[in-house]
Amino acid sequence: MNNDELERILSLEESALNRTAEIERVLNCNEFDYFDILQLNPLSTADDLGSIIKRVYRKKSLLIHPDKTDHPRASDAFDRLKKAEKVLSCANEQEEEFKEKNRLIAIYHSVTSEGKDYDLDKVKKQVAEILQDEINEQELQVLYQQTAKQRKHEQEQKLRQERELKKQLESKWEDERDVRVKNWRDYSFKIDKKKKKKTGKPKVLV
C-alpha cells in the first residue's frame, strides 16, 4: 500500500453514504480474506505494516460502527473488520490467528509471479476462489463427519433396542416359568390319568 492509497482510506469522510458503501464493501469481501477486508496489499513489503493495520482498522471501525448507522448488517461488517484486525495483527506464532495470517499470505504469493507486475484485483479474485474451495472442502468434511456420527448413533441405538428387547423376553420367560411348570404338571397328570383308565383292572380269561 502506497501513501496515496493510505491517505485516501484515512481521509474518507464519515458520511451516511460512505458508511453504507463501506459496509457493503466489507460484506462483499470473502470473509476469510482479511487483507481485502482492510483494503491492504499483503504483497507489499512495508516495514510498518503493523502500524498501518491499526490505523486503517481504527478509521474503518469508526466509519461502520453499528452505533453510528442504521444499516441492518452493520454488526456483521463490524465483526468481520474486528476479526481481520485480530488475525493480521497477531504476532504470536503459537496462536491460530498467526497461522491463519501466514496461510493467507502464502495463498496471495502462490497466485503471483515474483518479480513480475500483477493486477491486485485479479489476484484478490483468485485468492477468493481458493478460499471458497477450502471452505467447500471443510464443509464437505464436516458433513461427512456429521453423517458418520449419525450412522454411529443410529447403530448404537439399534443395538440398545435389541439388547432391551432381549432383556424383556428373558424377563418374561422367567416370569412365566411357574405357569409353564404348572401347565406341564397338569398335562402330565391328565396323561397319567388317561393311561390308568385305559389299563383298568385286568380281565381274567376262562
C-alpha atoms as a PDB file:
ATOM      1  CA  MET A   1       0.000   0.000   0.000  1.00  0.00           C
ATOM      2  CA  ASN A   2       1.461   3.377  -1.025  1.00  0.00           C
ATOM      3  CA  ASN A   3       0.965   6.621   0.863  1.00  0.00           C
ATOM      4  CA  ASP A   4      -1.703   7.888  -1.543  1.00  0.00           C
ATOM      5  CA  GLU A   5      -3.868   4.797  -1.008  1.00  0.00           C
ATOM      6  CA  LEU A   6      -3.421   5.013   2.747  1.00  0.00           C
ATOM      7  CA  GLU A   7      -4.319   8.691   2.821  1.00  0.00           C
ATOM      8  CA  ARG A   8      -7.392   8.052   0.672  1.00  0.00           C
ATOM      9  CA  ILE A   9      -8.661   5.484   3.169  1.00  0.00           C
ATOM     10  CA  LEU A  10      -7.830   7.547   6.229  1.00  0.00           C
ATOM     11  CA  SER A  11      -9.375  10.718   4.812  1.00  0.00           C
ATOM     12  CA  LEU A  12     -12.701   9.105   3.955  1.00  0.00           C
ATOM     13  CA  GLU A  13     -15.479  11.238   5.417  1.00  0.00           C
ATOM     14  CA  GLU A  14     -17.857   9.670   7.911  1.00  0.00           C
ATOM     15  CA  SER A  15     -20.977  10.394   5.886  1.00  0.00           C
ATOM     16  CA  ALA A  16     -24.051   8.163   5.737  1.00  0.00           C
ATOM     17  CA  LEU A  17     -23.304   7.401   2.097  1.00  0.00           C
ATOM     18  CA  ASN A  18     -19.719   6.396   2.828  1.00  0.00           C
ATOM     19  CA  ARG A  19     -20.788   4.308   5.820  1.00  0.00           C
ATOM     20  CA  THR A  20     -23.241   2.336   3.702  1.00  0.00           C
ATOM     21  CA  ALA A  21     -20.749   1.914   0.867  1.00  0.00           C
ATOM     22  CA  GLU A  22     -18.044   0.675   3.246  1.00  0.00           C
ATOM     23  CA  ILE A  23     -20.383  -1.767   4.992  1.00  0.00           C
ATOM     24  CA  GLU A  24     -21.435  -3.206   1.633  1.00  0.00           C
ATOM     25  CA  ARG A  25     -17.807  -3.431   0.509  1.00  0.00           C
ATOM     26  CA  VAL A  26     -16.786  -5.362   3.629  1.00  0.00           C
ATOM     27  CA  LEU A  27     -19.735  -7.725   3.305  1.00  0.00           C
ATOM     28  CA  ASN A  28     -18.892  -8.391  -0.346  1.00  0.00           C
ATOM     29  CA  CYS A  29     -15.348  -9.457   0.562  1.00  0.00           C
ATOM     30  CA  ASN A  30     -14.597 -13.100   1.205  1.00  0.00           C
ATOM     31  CA  GLU A  31     -14.928 -13.249   4.983  1.00  0.00           C
ATOM     32  CA  PHE A  32     -11.558 -15.021   5.268  1.00  0.00           C
ATOM     33  CA  ASP A  33      -9.608 -12.581   3.090  1.00  0.00           C
ATOM     34  CA  TYR A  34      -8.637 -10.261   5.906  1.00  0.00           C
ATOM     35  CA  PHE A  35      -6.357  -8.176   3.692  1.00  0.00           C
ATOM     36  CA  ASP A  36      -9.206  -7.413   1.310  1.00  0.00           C
ATOM     37  CA  ILE A  37     -11.491  -6.511   4.210  1.00  0.00           C
ATOM     38  CA  LEU A  38      -8.961  -3.945   5.441  1.00  0.00           C
ATOM     39  CA  GLN A  39      -8.024  -2.967   1.867  1.00  0.00           C
ATOM     40  CA  LEU A  40      -4.386  -3.885   2.426  1.00  0.00           C
ATOM     41  CA  ASN A  41      -1.906  -5.374  -0.015  1.00  0.00           C
ATOM     42  CA  PRO A  42      -0.113  -8.370   1.559  1.00  0.00           C
ATOM     43  CA  LEU A  43       2.357  -8.416  -1.326  1.00  0.00           C
ATOM     44  CA  SER A  44       3.803  -5.089  -0.252  1.00  0.00           C
ATOM     45  CA  THR A  45       6.878  -5.144   1.961  1.00  0.00           C
ATOM     46  CA  ALA A  46       6.063  -2.223   4.198  1.00  0.00           C
ATOM     47  CA  ASP A  47       8.079  -2.436   7.408  1.00  0.00           C
ATOM     48  CA  ASP A  48       5.376  -0.599   9.321  1.00  0.00           C
ATOM     49  CA  LEU A  49       2.541  -2.885   8.177  1.00  0.00           C
ATOM     50  CA  GLY A  50       1.528  -3.466  11.794  1.00  0.00           C
ATOM     51  CA  SER A  51       1.120   0.256  12.344  1.00  0.00           C
ATOM     52  CA  ILE A  52      -0.804   0.628   9.084  1.00  0.00           C
ATOM     53  CA  ILE A  53      -3.185  -2.163  10.102  1.00  0.00           C
ATOM     54  CA  LYS A  54      -4.016  -0.392  13.358  1.00  0.00           C
ATOM     55  CA  ARG A  55      -4.552   2.977  11.668  1.00  0.00           C
ATOM     56  CA  VAL A  56      -6.748   1.552   8.923  1.00  0.00           C
ATOM     57  CA  TYR A  57      -8.745  -0.509  11.412  1.00  0.00           C
ATOM     58  CA  ARG A  58      -9.302   2.497  13.674  1.00  0.00           C
ATOM     59  CA  LYS A  59     -10.591   4.567  10.750  1.00  0.00           C
ATOM     60  CA  LYS A  60     -12.847   1.861   9.352  1.00  0.00           C
ATOM     61  CA  SER A  61     -14.205   0.803  12.738  1.00  0.00           C
ATOM     62  CA  LEU A  62     -15.347   4.371  13.391  1.00  0.00           C
ATOM     63  CA  LEU A  63     -16.844   4.551   9.917  1.00  0.00           C
ATOM     64  CA  ILE A  64     -19.003   1.413  10.121  1.00  0.00           C
ATOM     65  CA  HIS A  65     -19.616   1.118  13.856  1.00  0.00           C
ATOM     66  CA  PRO A  66     -23.192  -0.153  14.435  1.00  0.00           C
ATOM     67  CA  ASP A  67     -23.884   2.730  16.829  1.00  0.00           C
ATOM     68  CA  LYS A  68     -23.312   5.220  14.018  1.00  0.00           C
ATOM     69  CA  THR A  69     -25.507   3.727  11.321  1.00  0.00           C
ATOM     70  CA  ASP A  70     -28.897   2.088  10.955  1.00  0.00           C
ATOM     71  CA  HIS A  71     -27.664  -0.328   8.295  1.00  0.00           C
ATOM     72  CA  PRO A  72     -29.242  -3.728   9.129  1.00  0.00           C
ATOM     73  CA  ARG A  73     -25.959  -5.604   8.649  1.00  0.00           C
ATOM     74  CA  ALA A  74     -23.583  -3.118  10.213  1.00  0.00           C
ATOM     75  CA  SER A  75     -22.846  -5.528  13.074  1.00  0.00           C
ATOM     76  CA  ASP A  76     -21.862  -8.283  10.638  1.00  0.00           C
ATOM     77  CA  ALA A  77     -19.485  -5.977   8.792  1.00  0.00           C
ATOM     78  CA  PHE A  78     -18.038  -4.682  12.060  1.00  0.00           C
ATOM     79  CA  ASP A  79     -17.425  -8.230  13.322  1.00  0.00           C
ATOM     80  CA  ARG A  80     -15.583  -9.096  10.111  1.00  0.00           C
ATOM     81  CA  LEU A  81     -13.487  -5.985  10.474  1.00  0.00           C
ATOM     82  CA  LYS A  82     -12.560  -6.879  14.070  1.00  0.00           C
ATOM     83  CA  LYS A  83     -11.658 -10.420  13.052  1.00  0.00           C
ATOM     84  CA  ALA A  84      -9.468  -9.142  10.210  1.00  0.00           C
ATOM     85  CA  GLU A  85      -7.570  -6.806  12.533  1.00  0.00           C
ATOM     86  CA  LYS A  86      -7.134  -9.546  15.136  1.00  0.00           C
ATOM     87  CA  VAL A  87      -5.729 -12.045  12.633  1.00  0.00           C
ATOM     88  CA  LEU A  88      -3.430  -9.656  10.780  1.00  0.00           C
ATOM     89  CA  SER A  89      -2.096  -8.089  13.990  1.00  0.00           C
ATOM     90  CA  CYS A  90      -1.271 -11.425  15.627  1.00  0.00           C
ATOM     91  CA  ALA A  91       2.458 -11.860  16.247  1.00  0.00           C
ATOM     92  CA  ASN A  92       2.369 -14.946  18.475  1.00  0.00           C
ATOM     93  CA  GLU A  93       3.477 -17.951  16.419  1.00  0.00           C
ATOM     94  CA  GLN A  94       1.587 -20.306  18.741  1.00  0.00           C
ATOM     95  CA  GLU A  95      -1.779 -18.676  18.078  1.00  0.00           C
ATOM     96  CA  GLU A  96      -4.163 -19.961  15.407  1.00  0.00           C
ATOM     97  CA  GLU A  97      -4.595 -16.401  14.112  1.00  0.00           C
ATOM     98  CA  PHE A  98      -0.872 -16.216  13.309  1.00  0.00           C
ATOM     99  CA  LYS A  99      -1.034 -19.464  11.330  1.00  0.00           C
ATOM    100  CA  GLU A 100      -4.167 -18.248   9.565  1.00  0.00           C
ATOM    101  CA  LYS A 101      -2.435 -14.999   8.608  1.00  0.00           C
ATOM    102  CA  ASN A 102       0.606 -16.803   7.198  1.00  0.00           C
ATOM    103  CA  ARG A 103      -1.634 -19.205   5.306  1.00  0.00           C
ATOM    104  CA  LEU A 104      -3.430 -16.259   3.697  1.00  0.00           C
ATOM    105  CA  ILE A 105      -0.144 -14.580   2.764  1.00  0.00           C
ATOM    106  CA  ALA A 106       1.050 -17.854   1.214  1.00  0.00           C
ATOM    107  CA  ILE A 107      -2.105 -18.030  -0.909  1.00  0.00           C
ATOM    108  CA  TYR A 108      -1.516 -14.494  -2.168  1.00  0.00           C
ATOM    109  CA  HIS A 109       2.065 -15.307  -3.120  1.00  0.00           C
ATOM    110  CA  SER A 110       1.011 -18.558  -4.786  1.00  0.00           C
ATOM    111  CA  VAL A 111      -1.090 -16.708  -7.372  1.00  0.00           C
ATOM    112  CA  THR A 112       1.559 -14.153  -8.296  1.00  0.00           C
ATOM    113  CA  SER A 113       4.889 -14.486 -10.058  1.00  0.00           C
ATOM    114  CA  GLU A 114       7.724 -12.981  -8.079  1.00  0.00           C
ATOM    115  CA  GLY A 115       9.390 -10.044  -9.793  1.00  0.00           C
ATOM    116  CA  LYS A 116       6.519  -9.501 -12.232  1.00  0.00           C
ATOM    117  CA  ASP A 117       3.763  -6.946 -12.310  1.00  0.00           C
ATOM    118  CA  TYR A 118       0.379  -8.087 -11.111  1.00  0.00           C
ATOM    119  CA  ASP A 119      -3.177  -6.835 -11.061  1.00  0.00           C
ATOM    120  CA  LEU A 120      -4.185  -6.777  -7.393  1.00  0.00           C
ATOM    121  CA  ASP A 121      -7.894  -7.006  -8.210  1.00  0.00           C
ATOM    122  CA  LYS A 122      -7.313 -10.159 -10.267  1.00  0.00           C
ATOM    123  CA  VAL A 123      -5.104 -11.563  -7.521  1.00  0.00           C
ATOM    124  CA  LYS A 124      -7.827 -10.947  -4.927  1.00  0.00           C
ATOM    125  CA  LYS A 125     -10.357 -12.696  -7.159  1.00  0.00           C
ATOM    126  CA  GLN A 126      -8.113 -15.760  -7.453  1.00  0.00           C
ATOM    127  CA  VAL A 127      -7.479 -15.730  -3.706  1.00  0.00           C
ATOM    128  CA  ALA A 128     -11.230 -15.575  -3.059  1.00  0.00           C
ATOM    129  CA  GLU A 129     -11.739 -18.623  -5.311  1.00  0.00           C
ATOM    130  CA  ILE A 130      -9.060 -20.592  -3.456  1.00  0.00           C
ATOM    131  CA  LEU A 131     -10.532 -19.625  -0.093  1.00  0.00           C
ATOM    132  CA  GLN A 132     -14.012 -20.631  -1.260  1.00  0.00           C
ATOM    133  CA  ASP A 133     -12.678 -24.002  -2.437  1.00  0.00           C
ATOM    134  CA  GLU A 134     -11.145 -24.531   1.000  1.00  0.00           C
ATOM    135  CA  ILE A 135     -14.417 -23.550   2.678  1.00  0.00           C
ATOM    136  CA  ASN A 136     -16.336 -26.006   0.471  1.00  0.00           C
ATOM    137  CA  GLU A 137     -13.849 -28.759   1.311  1.00  0.00           C
ATOM    138  CA  GLN A 138     -14.176 -28.036   5.029  1.00  0.00           C
ATOM    139  CA  GLU A 139     -17.966 -28.077   4.761  1.00  0.00           C
ATOM    140  CA  LEU A 140     -17.815 -31.453   2.999  1.00  0.00           C
ATOM    141  CA  GLN A 141     -15.576 -32.789   5.763  1.00  0.00           C
ATOM    142  CA  VAL A 142     -17.990 -31.518   8.410  1.00  0.00           C
ATOM    143  CA  LEU A 143     -20.931 -33.059   6.531  1.00  0.00           C
ATOM    144  CA  TYR A 144     -19.076 -36.378   6.249  1.00  0.00           C
ATOM    145  CA  GLN A 145     -18.263 -36.347   9.968  1.00  0.00           C
ATOM    146  CA  GLN A 146     -21.856 -35.475  10.863  1.00  0.00           C
ATOM    147  CA  THR A 147     -23.161 -38.285   8.634  1.00  0.00           C
ATOM    148  CA  ALA A 148     -20.714 -40.788  10.129  1.00  0.00           C
ATOM    149  CA  LYS A 149     -21.655 -39.648  13.629  1.00  0.00           C
ATOM    150  CA  GLN A 150     -25.362 -40.005  12.812  1.00  0.00           C
ATOM    151  CA  ARG A 151     -24.828 -43.517  11.437  1.00  0.00           C
ATOM    152  CA  LYS A 152     -22.893 -44.486  14.543  1.00  0.00           C
ATOM    153  CA  HIS A 153     -25.634 -43.056  16.768  1.00  0.00           C
ATOM    154  CA  GLU A 154     -28.325 -44.967  14.860  1.00  0.00           C
ATOM    155  CA  GLN A 155     -26.328 -48.194  15.073  1.00  0.00           C
ATOM    156  CA  GLU A 156     -25.783 -47.774  18.808  1.00  0.00           C
ATOM    157  CA  GLN A 157     -29.487 -47.011  19.270  1.00  0.00           C
ATOM    158  CA  LYS A 158     -30.423 -50.158  17.321  1.00  0.00           C
ATOM    159  CA  LEU A 159     -28.086 -52.277  19.462  1.00  0.00           C
ATOM    160  CA  ARG A 160     -29.578 -50.771  22.633  1.00  0.00           C
ATOM    161  CA  GLN A 161     -33.083 -51.574  21.423  1.00  0.00           C
ATOM    162  CA  GLU A 162     -32.070 -55.145  20.570  1.00  0.00           C
ATOM    163  CA  ARG A 163     -30.472 -55.619  23.988  1.00  0.00           C
ATOM    164  CA  GLU A 164     -33.548 -54.175  25.691  1.00  0.00           C
ATOM    165  CA  LEU A 165     -35.868 -56.458  23.717  1.00  0.00           C
ATOM    166  CA  LYS A 166     -33.728 -59.492  24.567  1.00  0.00           C
ATOM    167  CA  LYS A 167     -33.760 -58.486  28.223  1.00  0.00           C
ATOM    168  CA  GLN A 168     -37.553 -58.112  28.180  1.00  0.00           C
ATOM    169  CA  LEU A 169     -38.014 -61.525  26.545  1.00  0.00           C
ATOM    170  CA  GLU A 170     -35.690 -63.167  29.063  1.00  0.00           C
ATOM    171  CA  SER A 171     -37.540 -61.476  31.917  1.00  0.00           C
ATOM    172  CA  LYS A 172     -40.901 -62.594  30.513  1.00  0.00           C
ATOM    173  CA  TRP A 173     -39.576 -66.128  30.118  1.00  0.00           C
ATOM    174  CA  GLU A 174     -38.506 -66.182  33.773  1.00  0.00           C
ATOM    175  CA  ASP A 175     -41.768 -64.625  34.955  1.00  0.00           C
ATOM    176  CA  GLU A 176     -43.785 -67.336  33.177  1.00  0.00           C
ATOM    177  CA  ARG A 177     -41.650 -70.204  34.427  1.00  0.00           C
ATOM    178  CA  ASP A 178     -44.098 -71.131  37.238  1.00  0.00           C
ATOM    179  CA  VAL A 179     -47.011 -71.081  34.802  1.00  0.00           C
ATOM    180  CA  ARG A 180     -45.163 -73.364  32.401  1.00  0.00           C
ATOM    181  CA  VAL A 181     -44.253 -75.770  35.207  1.00  0.00           C
ATOM    182  CA  LYS A 182     -47.865 -75.862  36.417  1.00  0.00           C
ATOM    183  CA  ASN A 183     -49.159 -76.419  32.896  1.00  0.00           C
ATOM    184  CA  TRP A 184     -46.693 -79.222  32.383  1.00  0.00           C
ATOM    185  CA  ARG A 185     -47.681 -80.875  35.647  1.00  0.00           C
ATOM    186  CA  ASP A 186     -51.380 -80.591  34.782  1.00  0.00           C
ATOM    187  CA  TYR A 187     -50.721 -82.060  31.389  1.00  0.00           C
ATOM    188  CA  SER A 188     -48.643 -84.911  32.832  1.00  0.00           C
ATOM    189  CA  PHE A 189     -51.325 -85.626  35.418  1.00  0.00           C
ATOM    190  CA  LYS A 190     -54.021 -85.866  32.727  1.00  0.00           C
ATOM    191  CA  ILE A 191     -51.882 -88.210  30.638  1.00  0.00           C
ATOM    192  CA  ASP A 192     -51.216 -90.457  33.602  1.00  0.00           C
ATOM    193  CA  LYS A 193     -54.915 -90.488  34.476  1.00  0.00           C
ATOM    194  CA  LYS A 194     -55.884 -91.498  30.942  1.00  0.00           C
ATOM    195  CA  LYS A 195     -53.330 -94.288  30.967  1.00  0.00           C
ATOM    196  CA  LYS A 196     -54.711 -95.643  34.208  1.00  0.00           C
ATOM    197  CA  LYS A 197     -58.282 -95.588  32.817  1.00  0.00           C
ATOM    198  CA  LYS A 198     -57.243 -97.480  29.729  1.00  0.00           C
ATOM    199  CA  THR A 199     -55.344-100.033  31.751  1.00  0.00           C
ATOM    200  CA  GLY A 200     -58.037-100.517  34.457  1.00  0.00           C
ATOM    201  CA  LYS A 201     -58.488-103.952  36.134  1.00  0.00           C
ATOM    202  CA  PRO A 202     -57.015-106.811  34.051  1.00  0.00           C
ATOM    203  CA  LYS A 203     -59.584-109.239  32.529  1.00  0.00           C
ATOM    204  CA  VAL A 204     -59.498-112.909  33.593  1.00  0.00           C
ATOM    205  CA  LEU A 205     -59.690-115.395  30.744  1.00  0.00           C
ATOM    206  CA  VAL A 206     -61.812-118.574  31.400  1.00  0.00           C
END
